[in-house]
Amino acid sequence: MNLPHLSQEQRADARVKAVAARAVRSQAKQDLKTGQLSVGALLSAALDEPALDRLRVSDLLEALPGIGKVRATVIMSELGIAPTRRVRGLGVHQRRALIDYLGKKS
């Protein structure tokens, strides 16, 4: 697949948008880590915020206190969530299962 040729102005605009999206995801992960944001609230916010719906589920889990790469992989495996799944790709049942699972472990 050939990428479209972008002008310098288009590339600069894309770069600004990418940096803003990364900042939104970074802030959301920080809020998860400090407990200011719950997983349920993040999943709800992702419905309206395109930057959050591109967050990998593994990154979401790893942002939670006490969950690292191994535990995140185990949780995703138990819930039937693919390792490369992003928040936007979660179905209704997977979202509910994730919230319920994390609620029981808290």
PDB file of N, CA and C in Angstrom:
ATOM      1  N   MET A   1       0.830  -1.170   0.000  1.00  0.00           N
ATOM      2  CA  MET A   1       0.000   0.000   0.000  1.00  0.00           C
ATOM      3  C   MET A   1       0.881   1.241   0.000  1.00  0.00           C
ATOM      4  N   ASN A   2       0.652   2.111  -0.942  1.00  0.00           N
ATOM      5  CA  ASN A   2       1.413   3.353  -1.018  1.00  0.00           C
ATOM      6  C   ASN A   2       0.767   4.415  -0.140  1.00  0.00           C
ATOM      7  N   LEU A   3       1.599   5.082   0.619  1.00  0.00           N
ATOM      8  CA  LEU A   3       1.110   6.167   1.454  1.00  0.00           C
ATOM      9  C   LEU A   3       0.927   7.415   0.611  1.00  0.00           C
ATOM     10  N   PRO A   4      -0.094   8.203   0.919  1.00  0.00           N
ATOM     11  CA  PRO A   4      -0.291   9.426   0.142  1.00  0.00           C
ATOM     12  C   PRO A   4       0.839  10.419   0.406  1.00  0.00           C
ATOM     13  N   HIS A   5       1.176  11.174  -0.614  1.00  0.00           N
ATOM     14  CA  HIS A   5       2.207  12.194  -0.463  1.00  0.00           C
ATOM     15  C   HIS A   5       1.588  13.397   0.243  1.00  0.00           C
ATOM     16  N   LEU A   6       2.179  13.785   1.351  1.00  0.00           N
ATOM     17  CA  LEU A   6       1.660  14.905   2.133  1.00  0.00           C
ATOM     18  C   LEU A   6       2.580  16.112   2.001  1.00  0.00           C
ATOM     19  N   SER A   7       1.974  17.265   1.978  1.00  0.00           N
ATOM     20  CA  SER A   7       2.768  18.487   1.955  1.00  0.00           C
ATOM     21  C   SER A   7       3.362  18.699   3.345  1.00  0.00           C
ATOM     22  N   GLN A   8       4.302  19.601   3.445  1.00  0.00           N
ATOM     23  CA  GLN A   8       4.919  19.893   4.745  1.00  0.00           C
ATOM     24  C   GLN A   8       3.874  20.385   5.747  1.00  0.00           C
ATOM     25  N   GLU A   9       2.919  21.172   5.266  1.00  0.00           N
ATOM     26  CA  GLU A   9       1.862  21.680   6.139  1.00  0.00           C
ATOM     27  C   GLU A   9       0.962  20.544   6.646  1.00  0.00           C
ATOM     28  N   GLN A  10       0.624  19.608   5.778  1.00  0.00           N
ATOM     29  CA  GLN A  10      -0.204  18.468   6.174  1.00  0.00           C
ATOM     30  C   GLN A  10       0.546  17.581   7.171  1.00  0.00           C
ATOM     31  N   ARG A  11       1.842  17.405   6.940  1.00  0.00           N
ATOM     32  CA  ARG A  11       2.646  16.610   7.867  1.00  0.00           C
ATOM     33  C   ARG A  11       2.719  17.282   9.235  1.00  0.00           C
ATOM     34  N   ALA A  12       2.863  18.581   9.255  1.00  0.00           N
ATOM     35  CA  ALA A  12       2.928  19.321  10.512  1.00  0.00           C
ATOM     36  C   ALA A  12       1.593  19.222  11.255  1.00  0.00           C
ATOM     37  N   ASP A  13       0.480  19.334  10.524  1.00  0.00           N
ATOM     38  CA  ASP A  13      -0.839  19.199  11.147  1.00  0.00           C
ATOM     39  C   ASP A  13      -1.028  17.807  11.738  1.00  0.00           C
ATOM     40  N   ALA A  14      -0.606  16.791  10.995  1.00  0.00           N
ATOM     41  CA  ALA A  14      -0.734  15.414  11.475  1.00  0.00           C
ATOM     42  C   ALA A  14       0.117  15.201  12.721  1.00  0.00           C
ATOM     43  N   ARG A  15       1.301  15.797  12.723  1.00  0.00           N
ATOM     44  CA  ARG A  15       2.198  15.663  13.873  1.00  0.00           C
ATOM     45  C   ARG A  15       1.576  16.297  15.121  1.00  0.00           C
ATOM     46  N   VAL A  16       0.968  17.467  14.951  1.00  0.00           N
ATOM     47  CA  VAL A  16       0.317  18.153  16.072  1.00  0.00           C
ATOM     48  C   VAL A  16      -0.833  17.308  16.618  1.00  0.00           C
ATOM     49  N   LYS A  17      -1.632  16.733  15.724  1.00  0.00           N
ATOM     50  CA  LYS A  17      -2.755  15.886  16.147  1.00  0.00           C
ATOM     51  C   LYS A  17      -2.253  14.647  16.882  1.00  0.00           C
ATOM     52  N   ALA A  18      -1.171  14.052  16.383  1.00  0.00           N
ATOM     53  CA  ALA A  18      -0.621  12.858  17.021  1.00  0.00           C
ATOM     54  C   ALA A  18      -0.095  13.162  18.418  1.00  0.00           C
ATOM     55  N   VAL A  19       0.570  14.285  18.567  1.00  0.00           N
ATOM     56  CA  VAL A  19       1.096  14.670  19.882  1.00  0.00           C
ATOM     57  C   VAL A  19      -0.056  14.919  20.852  1.00  0.00           C
ATOM     58  N   ALA A  20      -1.117  15.562  20.384  1.00  0.00           N
ATOM     59  CA  ALA A  20      -2.281  15.824  21.240  1.00  0.00           C
ATOM     60  C   ALA A  20      -2.946  14.519  21.665  1.00  0.00           C
ATOM     61  N   ALA A  21      -3.069  13.573  20.740  1.00  0.00           N
ATOM     62  CA  ALA A  21      -3.679  12.279  21.063  1.00  0.00           C
ATOM     63  C   ALA A  21      -2.833  11.529  22.088  1.00  0.00           C
ATOM     64  N   ARG A  22      -1.506  11.550  21.920  1.00  0.00           N
ATOM     65  CA  ARG A  22      -0.632  10.890  22.888  1.00  0.00           C
ATOM     66  C   ARG A  22      -0.764  11.521  24.267  1.00  0.00           C
ATOM     67  N   ALA A  23      -0.921  12.826  24.311  1.00  0.00           N
ATOM     68  CA  ALA A  23      -1.070  13.520  25.590  1.00  0.00           C
ATOM     69  C   ALA A  23      -2.368  13.110  26.286  1.00  0.00           C
ATOM     70  N   VAL A  24      -3.441  12.957  25.519  1.00  0.00           N
ATOM     71  CA  VAL A  24      -4.724  12.532  26.091  1.00  0.00           C
ATOM     72  C   VAL A  24      -4.593  11.122  26.663  1.00  0.00           C
ATOM     73  N   ARG A  25      -3.980  10.213  25.903  1.00  0.00           N
ATOM     74  CA  ARG A  25      -3.808   8.834  26.382  1.00  0.00           C
ATOM     75  C   ARG A  25      -2.891   8.783  27.598  1.00  0.00           C
ATOM     76  N   SER A  26      -1.833   9.567  27.586  1.00  0.00           N
ATOM     77  CA  SER A  26      -0.906   9.605  28.713  1.00  0.00           C
ATOM     78  C   SER A  26      -1.596  10.109  29.975  1.00  0.00           C
ATOM     79  N   GLN A  27      -2.399  11.154  29.836  1.00  0.00           N
ATOM     80  CA  GLN A  27      -3.120  11.699  30.992  1.00  0.00           C
ATOM     81  C   GLN A  27      -4.121  10.681  31.527  1.00  0.00           C
ATOM     82  N   ALA A  28      -4.798   9.972  30.632  1.00  0.00           N
ATOM     83  CA  ALA A  28      -5.762   8.955  31.059  1.00  0.00           C
ATOM     84  C   ALA A  28      -5.060   7.839  31.826  1.00  0.00           C
ATOM     85  N   LYS A  29      -3.896   7.407  31.349  1.00  0.00           N
ATOM     86  CA  LYS A  29      -3.151   6.358  32.051  1.00  0.00           C
ATOM     87  C   LYS A  29      -2.665   6.851  33.410  1.00  0.00           C
ATOM     88  N   GLN A  30      -2.245   8.092  33.465  1.00  0.00           N
ATOM     89  CA  GLN A  30      -1.816   8.666  34.752  1.00  0.00           C
ATOM     90  C   GLN A  30      -2.990   8.733  35.721  1.00  0.00           C
ATOM     91  N   ASP A  31      -4.171   9.126  35.221  1.00  0.00           N
ATOM     92  CA  ASP A  31      -5.359   9.189  36.074  1.00  0.00           C
ATOM     93  C   ASP A  31      -5.780   7.802  36.547  1.00  0.00           C
ATOM     94  N   LEU A  32      -5.612   6.786  35.707  1.00  0.00           N
ATOM     95  CA  LEU A  32      -5.891   5.409  36.142  1.00  0.00           C
ATOM     96  C   LEU A  32      -4.926   5.009  37.257  1.00  0.00           C
ATOM     97  N   LYS A  33      -3.665   5.335  37.064  1.00  0.00           N
ATOM     98  CA  LYS A  33      -2.626   4.957  38.028  1.00  0.00           C
ATOM     99  C   LYS A  33      -2.877   5.585  39.400  1.00  0.00           C
ATOM    100  N   THR A  34      -3.348   6.835  39.418  1.00  0.00           N
ATOM    101  CA  THR A  34      -3.572   7.536  40.683  1.00  0.00           C
ATOM    102  C   THR A  34      -4.963   7.290  41.258  1.00  0.00           C
ATOM    103  N   GLY A  35      -5.828   6.618  40.495  1.00  0.00           N
ATOM    104  CA  GLY A  35      -7.164   6.328  40.988  1.00  0.00           C
ATOM    105  C   GLY A  35      -8.172   7.436  40.734  1.00  0.00           C
ATOM    106  N   GLN A  36      -7.791   8.462  39.999  1.00  0.00           N
ATOM    107  CA  GLN A  36      -8.712   9.550  39.687  1.00  0.00           C
ATOM    108  C   GLN A  36      -9.715   9.168  38.606  1.00  0.00           C
ATOM    109  N   LEU A  37      -9.429   8.087  37.888  1.00  0.00           N
ATOM    110  CA  LEU A  37     -10.278   7.628  36.797  1.00  0.00           C
ATOM    111  C   LEU A  37     -10.450   6.124  36.924  1.00  0.00           C
ATOM    112  N   SER A  38     -11.684   5.662  36.777  1.00  0.00           N
ATOM    113  CA  SER A  38     -11.933   4.225  36.830  1.00  0.00           C
ATOM    114  C   SER A  38     -11.914   3.660  35.416  1.00  0.00           C
ATOM    115  N   VAL A  39     -11.787   2.349  35.325  1.00  0.00           N
ATOM    116  CA  VAL A  39     -11.792   1.697  34.019  1.00  0.00           C
ATOM    117  C   VAL A  39     -13.136   1.919  33.330  1.00  0.00           C
ATOM    118  N   GLY A  40     -14.211   1.819  34.086  1.00  0.00           N
ATOM    119  CA  GLY A  40     -15.540   2.047  33.521  1.00  0.00           C
ATOM    120  C   GLY A  40     -15.687   3.452  32.968  1.00  0.00           C
ATOM    121  N   ALA A  41     -15.175   4.427  33.693  1.00  0.00           N
ATOM    122  CA  ALA A  41     -15.247   5.820  33.230  1.00  0.00           C
ATOM    123  C   ALA A  41     -14.407   6.018  31.976  1.00  0.00           C
ATOM    124  N   LEU A  42     -13.245   5.382  31.925  1.00  0.00           N
ATOM    125  CA  LEU A  42     -12.399   5.490  30.741  1.00  0.00           C
ATOM    126  C   LEU A  42     -13.082   4.865  29.537  1.00  0.00           C
ATOM    127  N   LEU A  43     -13.679   3.695  29.724  1.00  0.00           N
ATOM    128  CA  LEU A  43     -14.362   3.033  28.615  1.00  0.00           C
ATOM    129  C   LEU A  43     -15.539   3.865  28.121  1.00  0.00           C
ATOM    130  N   SER A  44     -16.230   4.526  29.028  1.00  0.00           N
ATOM    131  CA  SER A  44     -17.336   5.405  28.631  1.00  0.00           C
ATOM    132  C   SER A  44     -16.814   6.630  27.894  1.00  0.00           C
ATOM    133  N   ALA A  45     -15.738   7.211  28.392  1.00  0.00           N
ATOM    134  CA  ALA A  45     -15.162   8.393  27.756  1.00  0.00           C
ATOM    135  C   ALA A  45     -14.611   8.070  26.373  1.00  0.00           C
ATOM    136  N   ALA A  46     -14.153   6.831  26.185  1.00  0.00           N
ATOM    137  CA  ALA A  46     -13.583   6.428  24.895  1.00  0.00           C
ATOM    138  C   ALA A  46     -14.628   6.432  23.790  1.00  0.00           C
ATOM    139  N   LEU A  47     -15.899   6.342  24.149  1.00  0.00           N
ATOM    140  CA  LEU A  47     -16.949   6.381  23.136  1.00  0.00           C
ATOM    141  C   LEU A  47     -17.006   7.736  22.451  1.00  0.00           C
ATOM    142  N   ASP A  48     -16.597   8.793  23.172  1.00  0.00           N
ATOM    143  CA  ASP A  48     -16.656  10.154  22.627  1.00  0.00           C
ATOM    144  C   ASP A  48     -15.287  10.723  22.260  1.00  0.00           C
ATOM    145  N   GLU A  49     -14.226  10.108  22.734  1.00  0.00           N
ATOM    146  CA  GLU A  49     -12.879  10.638  22.523  1.00  0.00           C
ATOM    147  C   GLU A  49     -12.073   9.685  21.638  1.00  0.00           C
ATOM    148  N   PRO A  50     -11.814  10.060  20.380  1.00  0.00           N
ATOM    149  CA  PRO A  50     -11.089   9.173  19.459  1.00  0.00           C
ATOM    150  C   PRO A  50      -9.688   8.783  19.958  1.00  0.00           C
ATOM    151  N   ALA A  51      -9.032   9.665  20.694  1.00  0.00           N
ATOM    152  CA  ALA A  51      -7.685   9.343  21.182  1.00  0.00           C
ATOM    153  C   ALA A  51      -7.730   8.211  22.192  1.00  0.00           C
ATOM    154  N   LEU A  52      -8.773   8.167  23.019  1.00  0.00           N
ATOM    155  CA  LEU A  52      -8.874   7.111  24.025  1.00  0.00           C
ATOM    156  C   LEU A  52      -9.292   5.779  23.419  1.00  0.00           C
ATOM    157  N   ASP A  53     -10.080   5.809  22.361  1.00  0.00           N
ATOM    158  CA  ASP A  53     -10.512   4.529  21.795  1.00  0.00           C
ATOM    159  C   ASP A  53      -9.386   3.834  21.045  1.00  0.00           C
ATOM    160  N   ARG A  54      -8.273   4.533  20.829  1.00  0.00           N
ATOM    161  CA  ARG A  54      -7.101   3.909  20.207  1.00  0.00           C
ATOM    162  C   ARG A  54      -6.113   3.353  21.226  1.00  0.00           C
ATOM    163  N   LEU A  55      -6.428   3.481  22.507  1.00  0.00           N
ATOM    164  CA  LEU A  55      -5.573   2.964  23.576  1.00  0.00           C
ATOM    165  C   LEU A  55      -5.629   1.436  23.593  1.00  0.00           C
ATOM    166  N   ARG A  56      -4.479   0.806  23.645  1.00  0.00           N
ATOM    167  CA  ARG A  56      -4.442  -0.659  23.727  1.00  0.00           C
ATOM    168  C   ARG A  56      -4.956  -1.095  25.100  1.00  0.00           C
ATOM    169  N   VAL A  57      -5.714  -2.179  25.118  1.00  0.00           N
ATOM    170  CA  VAL A  57      -6.258  -2.686  26.372  1.00  0.00           C
ATOM    171  C   VAL A  57      -5.121  -3.096  27.306  1.00  0.00           C
ATOM    172  N   SER A  58      -4.058  -3.650  26.756  1.00  0.00           N
ATOM    173  CA  SER A  58      -2.914  -4.030  27.600  1.00  0.00           C
ATOM    174  C   SER A  58      -2.301  -2.803  28.275  1.00  0.00           C
ATOM    175  N   ASP A  59      -2.211  -1.684  27.558  1.00  0.00           N
ATOM    176  CA  ASP A  59      -1.691  -0.454  28.159  1.00  0.00           C
ATOM    177  C   ASP A  59      -2.626   0.057  29.248  1.00  0.00           C
ATOM    178  N   LEU A  60      -3.924  -0.060  29.006  1.00  0.00           N
ATOM    179  CA  LEU A  60      -4.921   0.345  30.001  1.00  0.00           C
ATOM    180  C   LEU A  60      -4.715  -0.463  31.286  1.00  0.00           C
ATOM    181  N   LEU A  61      -4.600  -1.773  31.151  1.00  0.00           N
ATOM    182  CA  LEU A  61      -4.431  -2.634  32.320  1.00  0.00           C
ATOM    183  C   LEU A  61      -3.116  -2.369  33.036  1.00  0.00           C
ATOM    184  N   GLU A  62      -2.043  -2.187  32.266  1.00  0.00           N
ATOM    185  CA  GLU A  62      -0.730  -1.963  32.868  1.00  0.00           C
ATOM    186  C   GLU A  62      -0.656  -0.621  33.595  1.00  0.00           C
ATOM    187  N   ALA A  63      -1.549   0.293  33.279  1.00  0.00           N
ATOM    188  CA  ALA A  63      -1.581   1.586  33.969  1.00  0.00           C
ATOM    189  C   ALA A  63      -2.197   1.462  35.361  1.00  0.00           C
ATOM    190  N   LEU A  64      -2.913   0.367  35.605  1.00  0.00           N
ATOM    191  CA  LEU A  64      -3.539   0.173  36.908  1.00  0.00           C
ATOM    192  C   LEU A  64      -2.500  -0.277  37.932  1.00  0.00           C
ATOM    193  N   PRO A  65      -2.623   0.189  39.161  1.00  0.00           N
ATOM    194  CA  PRO A  65      -1.672  -0.213  40.201  1.00  0.00           C
ATOM    195  C   PRO A  65      -1.701  -1.732  40.418  1.00  0.00           C
ATOM    196  N   GLY A  66      -0.527  -2.332  40.489  1.00  0.00           N
ATOM    197  CA  GLY A  66      -0.423  -3.757  40.776  1.00  0.00           C
ATOM    198  C   GLY A  66      -0.562  -4.665  39.572  1.00  0.00           C
ATOM    199  N   ILE A  67      -0.701  -4.089  38.386  1.00  0.00           N
ATOM    200  CA  ILE A  67      -0.829  -4.915  37.176  1.00  0.00           C
ATOM    201  C   ILE A  67       0.323  -4.578  36.248  1.00  0.00           C
ATOM    202  N   GLY A  68       1.104  -5.602  35.938  1.00  0.00           N
ATOM    203  CA  GLY A  68       2.213  -5.448  34.999  1.00  0.00           C
ATOM    204  C   GLY A  68       1.908  -6.178  33.710  1.00  0.00           C
ATOM    205  N   LYS A  69       2.928  -6.385  32.908  1.00  0.00           N
ATOM    206  CA  LYS A  69       2.747  -7.028  31.602  1.00  0.00           C
ATOM    207  C   LYS A  69       2.194  -8.452  31.736  1.00  0.00           C
ATOM    208  N   VAL A  70       2.752  -9.222  32.649  1.00  0.00           N
ATOM    209  CA  VAL A  70       2.338 -10.621  32.797  1.00  0.00           C
ATOM    210  C   VAL A  70       0.895 -10.712  33.283  1.00  0.00           C
ATOM    211  N   ARG A  71       0.571  -9.968  34.307  1.00  0.00           N
ATOM    212  CA  ARG A  71      -0.797 -10.024  34.849  1.00  0.00           C
ATOM    213  C   ARG A  71      -1.806  -9.495  33.835  1.00  0.00           C
ATOM    214  N   ALA A  72      -1.437  -8.455  33.084  1.00  0.00           N
ATOM    215  CA  ALA A  72      -2.327  -7.921  32.055  1.00  0.00           C
ATOM    216  C   ALA A  72      -2.597  -8.981  30.990  1.00  0.00           C
ATOM    217  N   THR A  73      -1.556  -9.719  30.607  1.00  0.00           N
ATOM    218  CA  THR A  73      -1.713 -10.785  29.620  1.00  0.00           C
ATOM    219  C   THR A  73      -2.626 -11.882  30.138  1.00  0.00           C
ATOM    220  N   VAL A  74      -2.473 -12.239  31.400  1.00  0.00           N
ATOM    221  CA  VAL A  74      -3.313 -13.272  32.016  1.00  0.00           C
ATOM    222  C   VAL A  74      -4.775 -12.820  32.056  1.00  0.00           C
ATOM    223  N   ILE A  75      -5.005 -11.589  32.476  1.00  0.00           N
ATOM    224  CA  ILE A  75      -6.372 -11.062  32.549  1.00  0.00           C
ATOM    225  C   ILE A  75      -7.015 -11.075  31.169  1.00  0.00           C
ATOM    226  N   MET A  76      -6.282 -10.594  30.172  1.00  0.00           N
ATOM    227  CA  MET A  76      -6.842 -10.550  28.824  1.00  0.00           C
ATOM    228  C   MET A  76      -7.125 -11.951  28.305  1.00  0.00           C
ATOM    229  N   SER A  77      -6.257 -12.894  28.622  1.00  0.00           N
ATOM    230  CA  SER A  77      -6.462 -14.273  28.196  1.00  0.00           C
ATOM    231  C   SER A  77      -7.702 -14.870  28.858  1.00  0.00           C
ATOM    232  N   GLU A  78      -7.858 -14.631  30.158  1.00  0.00           N
ATOM    233  CA  GLU A  78      -9.018 -15.151  30.886  1.00  0.00           C
ATOM    234  C   GLU A  78     -10.329 -14.584  30.347  1.00  0.00           C
ATOM    235  N   LEU A  79     -10.290 -13.328  29.906  1.00  0.00           N
ATOM    236  CA  LEU A  79     -11.504 -12.679  29.420  1.00  0.00           C
ATOM    237  C   LEU A  79     -11.714 -12.851  27.915  1.00  0.00           C
ATOM    238  N   GLY A  80     -10.780 -13.514  27.254  1.00  0.00           N
ATOM    239  CA  GLY A  80     -10.928 -13.740  25.817  1.00  0.00           C
ATOM    240  C   GLY A  80     -10.694 -12.491  24.985  1.00  0.00           C
ATOM    241  N   ILE A  81      -9.797 -11.632  25.440  1.00  0.00           N
ATOM    242  CA  ILE A  81      -9.468 -10.401  24.724  1.00  0.00           C
ATOM    243  C   ILE A  81      -8.121 -10.606  24.044  1.00  0.00           C
ATOM    244  N   ALA A  82      -8.064 -10.346  22.753  1.00  0.00           N
ATOM    245  CA  ALA A  82      -6.829 -10.518  21.989  1.00  0.00           C
ATOM    246  C   ALA A  82      -5.739  -9.583  22.510  1.00  0.00           C
ATOM    247  N   PRO A  83      -4.486 -10.020  22.480  1.00  0.00           N
ATOM    248  CA  PRO A  83      -3.384  -9.207  23.014  1.00  0.00           C
ATOM    249  C   PRO A  83      -3.205  -7.865  22.307  1.00  0.00           C
ATOM    250  N   THR A  84      -3.620  -7.764  21.066  1.00  0.00           N
ATOM    251  CA  THR A  84      -3.437  -6.522  20.317  1.00  0.00           C
ATOM    252  C   THR A  84      -4.690  -5.652  20.294  1.00  0.00           C
ATOM    253  N   ARG A  85      -5.708  -6.045  21.025  1.00  0.00           N
ATOM    254  CA  ARG A  85      -7.005  -5.339  20.995  1.00  0.00           C
ATOM    255  C   ARG A  85      -6.886  -3.928  21.552  1.00  0.00           C
ATOM    256  N   ARG A  86      -7.556  -3.024  20.903  1.00  0.00           N
ATOM    257  CA  ARG A  86      -7.647  -1.644  21.373  1.00  0.00           C
ATOM    258  C   ARG A  86      -9.020  -1.440  21.990  1.00  0.00           C
ATOM    259  N   VAL A  87      -9.168  -0.373  22.761  1.00  0.00           N
ATOM    260  CA  VAL A  87     -10.420  -0.121  23.474  1.00  0.00           C
ATOM    261  C   VAL A  87     -11.597  -0.067  22.502  1.00  0.00           C
ATOM    262  N   ARG A  88     -11.411   0.553  21.336  1.00  0.00           N
ATOM    263  CA  ARG A  88     -12.518   0.669  20.383  1.00  0.00           C
ATOM    264  C   ARG A  88     -12.973  -0.696  19.877  1.00  0.00           C
ATOM    265  N   GLY A  89     -12.112  -1.701  19.918  1.00  0.00           N
ATOM    266  CA  GLY A  89     -12.431  -3.026  19.413  1.00  0.00           C
ATOM    267  C   GLY A  89     -13.116  -3.931  20.422  1.00  0.00           C
ATOM    268  N   LEU A  90     -13.287  -3.453  21.652  1.00  0.00           N
ATOM    269  CA  LEU A  90     -13.950  -4.264  22.669  1.00  0.00           C
ATOM    270  C   LEU A  90     -15.454  -4.289  22.421  1.00  0.00           C
ATOM    271  N   GLY A  91     -16.017  -5.467  22.517  1.00  0.00           N
ATOM    272  CA  GLY A  91     -17.462  -5.593  22.412  1.00  0.00           C
ATOM    273  C   GLY A  91     -18.123  -5.249  23.742  1.00  0.00           C
ATOM    274  N   VAL A  92     -19.432  -5.173  23.712  1.00  0.00           N
ATOM    275  CA  VAL A  92     -20.200  -4.828  24.913  1.00  0.00           C
ATOM    276  C   VAL A  92     -19.923  -5.831  26.031  1.00  0.00           C
ATOM    277  N   HIS A  93     -19.906  -7.107  25.683  1.00  0.00           N
ATOM    278  CA  HIS A  93     -19.692  -8.149  26.688  1.00  0.00           C
ATOM    279  C   HIS A  93     -18.259  -8.119  27.223  1.00  0.00           C
ATOM    280  N   GLN A  94     -17.292  -7.826  26.361  1.00  0.00           N
ATOM    281  CA  GLN A  94     -15.908  -7.743  26.821  1.00  0.00           C
ATOM    282  C   GLN A  94     -15.715  -6.542  27.742  1.00  0.00           C
ATOM    283  N   ARG A  95     -16.350  -5.430  27.426  1.00  0.00           N
ATOM    284  CA  ARG A  95     -16.267  -4.254  28.295  1.00  0.00           C
ATOM    285  C   ARG A  95     -16.828  -4.582  29.683  1.00  0.00           C
ATOM    286  N   ARG A  96     -18.014  -5.194  29.697  1.00  0.00           N
ATOM    287  CA  ARG A  96     -18.668  -5.539  30.960  1.00  0.00           C
ATOM    288  C   ARG A  96     -17.810  -6.535  31.743  1.00  0.00           C
ATOM    289  N   ALA A  97     -17.265  -7.549  31.045  1.00  0.00           N
ATOM    290  CA  ALA A  97     -16.433  -8.554  31.713  1.00  0.00           C
ATOM    291  C   ALA A  97     -15.183  -7.916  32.309  1.00  0.00           C
ATOM    292  N   LEU A  98     -14.587  -6.981  31.594  1.00  0.00           N
ATOM    293  CA  LEU A  98     -13.387  -6.307  32.085  1.00  0.00           C
ATOM    294  C   LEU A  98     -13.693  -5.491  33.337  1.00  0.00           C
ATOM    295  N   ILE A  99     -14.782  -4.741  33.303  1.00  0.00           N
ATOM    296  CA  ILE A  99     -15.176  -3.939  34.471  1.00  0.00           C
ATOM    297  C   ILE A  99     -15.500  -4.830  35.657  1.00  0.00           C
ATOM    298  N   ASP A 100     -16.251  -5.908  35.405  1.00  0.00           N
ATOM    299  CA  ASP A 100     -16.617  -6.834  36.490  1.00  0.00           C
ATOM    300  C   ASP A 100     -15.372  -7.516  37.071  1.00  0.00           C
ATOM    301  N   TYR A 101     -14.461  -7.971  36.209  1.00  0.00           N
ATOM    302  CA  TYR A 101     -13.256  -8.663  36.655  1.00  0.00           C
ATOM    303  C   TYR A 101     -12.411  -7.745  37.542  1.00  0.00           C
ATOM    304  N   LEU A 102     -12.215  -6.519  37.094  1.00  0.00           N
ATOM    305  CA  LEU A 102     -11.390  -5.589  37.862  1.00  0.00           C
ATOM    306  C   LEU A 102     -12.099  -5.144  39.135  1.00  0.00           C
ATOM    307  N   GLY A 103     -13.427  -5.114  39.125  1.00  0.00           N
ATOM    308  CA  GLY A 103     -14.179  -4.765  40.320  1.00  0.00           C
ATOM    309  C   GLY A 103     -14.058  -5.829  41.390  1.00  0.00           C
ATOM    310  N   LYS A 104     -14.006  -7.095  40.977  1.00  0.00           N
ATOM    311  CA  LYS A 104     -13.869  -8.207  41.940  1.00  0.00           C
ATOM    312  C   LYS A 104     -12.481  -8.244  42.551  1.00  0.00           C
ATOM    313  N   LYS A 105     -11.466  -7.876  41.757  1.00  0.00           N
ATOM    314  CA  LYS A 105     -10.084  -7.936  42.229  1.00  0.00           C
ATOM    315  C   LYS A 105      -9.726  -6.759  43.129  1.00  0.00           C
ATOM    316  N   SER A 106     -10.529  -5.705  43.106  1.00  0.00           N
ATOM    317  CA  SER A 106     -10.221  -4.517  43.912  1.00  0.00           C
ATOM    318  C   SER A 106     -10.590  -4.691  45.354  1.00  0.00           C
TER     319      SER A 106
END
